[in-house]
C-alpha atoms as a PDB file:
ATOM      1  CA  MET A   1     125.685 123.782   3.138  1.00  0.00           C
ATOM      2  CA  VAL A   2     124.867 120.073   3.111  1.00  0.00           C
ATOM      3  CA  LYS A   3     125.854 117.783   6.001  1.00  0.00           C
ATOM      4  CA  GLY A   4     128.616 120.128   7.139  1.00  0.00           C
ATOM      5  CA  LYS A   5     130.127 120.685   3.690  1.00  0.00           C
ATOM      6  CA  VAL A   6     130.574 124.020   1.990  1.00  0.00           C
ATOM      7  CA  PHE A   7     130.276 124.009  -1.771  1.00  0.00           C
ATOM      8  CA  PHE A   8     130.099 127.289  -3.705  1.00  0.00           C
ATOM      9  CA  ARG A   9     131.647 130.517  -2.464  1.00  0.00           C
ATOM     10  CA  GLU A  10     131.772 133.119  -5.276  1.00  0.00           C
ATOM     11  CA  ILE A  11     129.955 133.120  -8.607  1.00  0.00           C
ATOM     12  CA  LYS A  12     130.703 135.352 -11.590  1.00  0.00           C
ATOM     13  CA  VAL A  13     128.646 135.481 -14.784  1.00  0.00           C
ATOM     14  CA  ILE A  14     130.875 136.279 -17.745  1.00  0.00           C
ATOM     15  CA  PRO A  15     130.240 136.176 -21.496  1.00  0.00           C
ATOM     16  CA  ASP A  16     129.470 132.554 -22.458  1.00  0.00           C
ATOM     17  CA  TYR A  17     130.101 131.066 -18.984  1.00  0.00           C
ATOM     18  CA  ILE A  18     129.307 131.029 -15.280  1.00  0.00           C
ATOM     19  CA  LEU A  19     132.351 130.665 -13.010  1.00  0.00           C
ATOM     20  CA  ALA A  20     131.700 129.279  -9.535  1.00  0.00           C
ATOM     21  CA  ALA A  21     134.432 129.040  -6.894  1.00  0.00           C
ATOM     22  CA  TYR A  22     134.001 125.654  -5.241  1.00  0.00           C
ATOM     23  CA  SER A  23     135.199 124.110  -1.989  1.00  0.00           C
ATOM     24  CA  GLY A  24     133.358 120.891  -1.154  1.00  0.00           C
ATOM     25  CA  ARG A  25     135.383 120.567   2.043  1.00  0.00           C
ATOM     26  CA  ALA A  26     134.056 119.499   5.409  1.00  0.00           C
ATOM     27  CA  SER A  27     133.373 122.293   7.886  1.00  0.00           C
ATOM     28  CA  GLY A  28     136.517 123.661   9.457  1.00  0.00           C
ATOM     29  CA  GLU A  29     139.047 126.455   9.317  1.00  0.00           C
ATOM     30  CA  ASN A  30     139.459 126.498   5.498  1.00  0.00           C
ATOM     31  CA  ALA A  31     136.024 125.173   4.513  1.00  0.00           C
ATOM     32  CA  TYR A  32     134.910 128.532   3.117  1.00  0.00           C
ATOM     33  CA  SER A  33     137.914 128.994   0.836  1.00  0.00           C
ATOM     34  CA  ALA A  34     137.515 127.456  -2.600  1.00  0.00           C
ATOM     35  CA  ASP A  35     140.535 126.012  -4.403  1.00  0.00           C
ATOM     36  CA  ARG A  36     138.863 125.263  -7.724  1.00  0.00           C
ATOM     37  CA  ILE A  37     136.427 126.895 -10.133  1.00  0.00           C
ATOM     38  CA  HIS A  38     133.561 125.009 -11.747  1.00  0.00           C
ATOM     39  CA  VAL A  39     132.718 126.327 -15.216  1.00  0.00           C
ATOM     40  CA  TYR A  40     129.149 126.154 -16.560  1.00  0.00           C
ATOM     41  CA  ASN A  41     127.423 127.300 -19.753  1.00  0.00           C
ATOM     42  CA  HIS A  42     124.688 129.880 -19.299  1.00  0.00           C
ATOM     43  CA  ASP A  43     122.118 127.077 -19.525  1.00  0.00           C
ATOM     44  CA  GLY A  44     123.683 125.537 -16.389  1.00  0.00           C
ATOM     45  CA  SER A  45     125.490 122.671 -18.133  1.00  0.00           C
ATOM     46  CA  TYR A  46     128.817 121.719 -16.544  1.00  0.00           C
ATOM     47  CA  VAL A  47     131.829 122.391 -18.811  1.00  0.00           C
ATOM     48  CA  LYS A  48     134.982 121.783 -16.743  1.00  0.00           C
ATOM     49  CA  THR A  49     136.785 122.341 -13.455  1.00  0.00           C
ATOM     50  CA  LEU A  50     139.780 124.656 -13.163  1.00  0.00           C
ATOM     51  CA  ILE A  51     142.071 123.519 -10.331  1.00  0.00           C
ATOM     52  CA  ILE A  52     143.614 126.672  -8.890  1.00  0.00           C
ATOM     53  CA  GLY A  53     145.563 125.150  -6.011  1.00  0.00           C
ATOM     54  CA  LYS A  54     145.196 128.249  -3.849  1.00  0.00           C
ATOM     55  CA  ASP A  55     142.246 129.115  -1.615  1.00  0.00           C
ATOM     56  CA  ILE A  56     140.141 131.804  -3.328  1.00  0.00           C
ATOM     57  CA  THR A  57     138.340 134.173  -0.964  1.00  0.00           C
ATOM     58  CA  ASP A  58     137.074 136.628  -3.601  1.00  0.00           C
ATOM     59  CA  MET A  59     137.173 137.102  -7.368  1.00  0.00           C
ATOM     60  CA  ALA A  60     136.257 139.657 -10.034  1.00  0.00           C
ATOM     61  CA  TYR A  61     136.106 139.440 -13.821  1.00  0.00           C
ATOM     62  CA  ASP A  62     137.595 142.029 -16.190  1.00  0.00           C
ATOM     63  CA  ASN A  63     135.826 141.881 -19.554  1.00  0.00           C
ATOM     64  CA  THR A  64     138.454 143.984 -21.360  1.00  0.00           C
ATOM     65  CA  SER A  65     141.377 141.656 -20.620  1.00  0.00           C
ATOM     66  CA  ASN A  66     139.318 138.445 -20.169  1.00  0.00           C
ATOM     67  CA  ARG A  67     141.014 137.878 -16.814  1.00  0.00           C
ATOM     68  CA  LEU A  68     139.655 136.592 -13.551  1.00  0.00           C
ATOM     69  CA  PHE A  69     141.247 138.476 -10.654  1.00  0.00           C
ATOM     70  CA  CYS A  70     141.409 136.604  -7.355  1.00  0.00           C
ATOM     71  CA  ILE A  71     142.200 137.293  -3.730  1.00  0.00           C
ATOM     72  CA  PHE A  72     143.844 134.237  -2.193  1.00  0.00           C
ATOM     73  CA  ASN A  73     143.991 133.059   1.402  1.00  0.00           C
ATOM     74  CA  ASP A  74     147.740 132.403   1.155  1.00  0.00           C
ATOM     75  CA  GLU A  75     150.570 134.193   2.927  1.00  0.00           C
ATOM     76  CA  ASN A  76     152.841 134.011  -0.148  1.00  0.00           C
ATOM     77  CA  ILE A  77     150.379 134.840  -2.937  1.00  0.00           C
ATOM     78  CA  GLN A  78     147.562 137.122  -1.819  1.00  0.00           C
ATOM     79  CA  PHE A  79     146.429 138.517  -5.181  1.00  0.00           C
ATOM     80  CA  GLY A  80     146.649 137.253  -8.733  1.00  0.00           C
ATOM     81  CA  TYR A  81     144.788 136.716 -11.948  1.00  0.00           C
ATOM     82  CA  ILE A  82     143.896 133.887 -14.281  1.00  0.00           C
ATOM     83  CA  GLU A  83     144.217 134.534 -18.009  1.00  0.00           C
ATOM     84  CA  LEU A  84     141.046 132.919 -19.422  1.00  0.00           C
ATOM     85  CA  ASP A  85     142.052 133.039 -23.103  1.00  0.00           C
ATOM     86  CA  GLY A  86     142.923 129.515 -24.142  1.00  0.00           C
ATOM     87  CA  ILE A  87     141.453 127.995 -20.971  1.00  0.00           C
ATOM     88  CA  LEU A  88     137.768 128.505 -21.756  1.00  0.00           C
END
């Protein structure tokens, strides 16, 4: 935390990439929920940002399906996945 801002929440290391759920919001009620994922190479180089649009509270990677499963802090969509083929 830097000057009241929360940055990274969850980090998953997958083949070829590091996925880091990111907030960057000021401290407050939703500061700990990330709504985007920063993608890095294994050497730490930034690749891209995936804008999710829902607050991610937890995530897990499934190597077999190449999907990122997420738990969202949203009353309408509480669980979902992101198909990573074609995105990364």
